[in-house]
Amino acid sequence: MTRFAETETALLERLRALKAAPEMSLNLFDIGVPMAAAGFTQDEVMAVLDALEQDKVVAYGPGNRLQILKELPEG
């Protein structure tokens, strides 16, 4: 498994733990701090979030928020 895939799996698990659902807004610190504690760098997390944004699953919002646009992919 690539590091990107590992990060993606961990990030999706974190989003599910936060009960992320469409039209929900999350604080990026609630995602980033536990991911960093699990050994993932900010660049790794942002690469996965950028990919999810490109796929229109999430969108960045004001105030360090992440807007969930549609159901999370299986991962």
Protein backbone atom coordinates (compact mmCIF):
# COMPACT_ATOMS: atom_id res chain seq x y z
CA MET A 1 0.00 0.00 0.00
CA THR A 2 1.37 3.44 -0.91
CA ARG A 3 1.74 6.16 1.68
CA PHE A 4 -1.01 8.13 -0.11
CA ALA A 5 -3.35 5.13 0.17
CA GLU A 6 -2.48 4.70 3.86
CA THR A 7 -3.17 8.38 4.48
CA GLU A 8 -6.42 8.23 2.53
CA THR A 9 -7.62 5.20 4.52
CA ALA A 10 -6.75 6.84 7.84
CA LEU A 11 -8.35 10.14 6.81
CA LEU A 12 -11.58 8.49 5.70
CA GLU A 13 -11.69 6.57 9.00
CA ARG A 14 -11.22 9.87 10.86
CA LEU A 15 -14.01 11.53 8.87
CA ARG A 16 -16.30 8.59 9.59
CA ALA A 17 -15.43 8.82 13.30
CA LEU A 18 -16.57 12.45 13.15
CA LYS A 19 -19.78 11.21 11.49
CA ALA A 20 -19.10 13.28 8.37
CA ALA A 21 -22.14 13.51 6.13
CA PRO A 22 -23.19 15.66 3.16
CA GLU A 23 -23.88 19.31 4.01
CA MET A 24 -21.85 18.99 7.23
CA SER A 25 -18.99 21.35 8.07
CA LEU A 26 -15.98 20.19 10.10
CA ASN A 27 -13.10 22.04 11.70
CA LEU A 28 -9.84 21.08 9.99
CA PHE A 29 -8.12 20.95 13.40
CA ASP A 30 -10.46 18.08 14.38
CA ILE A 31 -9.01 16.20 11.42
CA GLY A 32 -5.39 17.36 11.34
CA VAL A 33 -4.43 17.03 15.01
CA PRO A 34 -5.37 13.33 15.35
CA MET A 35 -3.85 12.59 11.93
CA ALA A 36 -0.57 14.20 13.03
CA ALA A 37 -0.69 12.22 16.27
CA ALA A 38 -1.06 9.07 14.17
CA GLY A 39 2.16 9.93 12.32
CA PHE A 40 0.87 11.61 9.16
CA THR A 41 2.34 14.92 8.01
CA GLN A 42 0.29 17.96 7.13
CA ASP A 43 1.45 17.62 3.50
CA GLU A 44 0.21 14.01 3.35
CA VAL A 45 -3.18 14.94 4.80
CA MET A 46 -3.54 17.94 2.50
CA ALA A 47 -2.67 15.83 -0.56
CA VAL A 48 -5.59 13.50 0.25
CA LEU A 49 -7.95 16.40 1.04
CA ASP A 50 -6.96 18.07 -2.24
CA ALA A 51 -7.76 14.84 -4.11
CA LEU A 52 -11.15 14.64 -2.36
CA GLU A 53 -11.79 18.28 -3.27
CA GLN A 54 -10.89 17.58 -6.91
CA ASP A 55 -13.42 14.72 -6.84
CA LYS A 56 -15.98 17.18 -5.37
CA VAL A 57 -16.41 15.10 -2.20
CA VAL A 58 -15.30 17.99 0.04
CA ALA A 59 -14.71 21.73 -0.28
CA TYR A 60 -12.56 24.06 1.78
CA GLY A 61 -14.53 26.73 3.60
CA PRO A 62 -13.75 29.88 5.55
CA GLY A 63 -12.38 29.66 9.05
CA ASN A 64 -10.40 26.43 8.57
CA ARG A 65 -13.57 24.49 7.81
CA LEU A 66 -14.10 21.50 5.55
CA GLN A 67 -17.52 21.16 3.93
CA ILE A 68 -18.66 17.62 3.12
CA LEU A 69 -20.41 17.73 -0.27
CA LYS A 70 -21.36 14.09 -0.81
CA GLU A 71 -21.07 10.63 0.70
CA LEU A 72 -17.53 9.56 1.52
CA PRO A 73 -15.97 7.00 -0.82
CA GLU A 74 -15.19 3.53 0.42
CA GLY A 75 -11.55 3.31 1.33
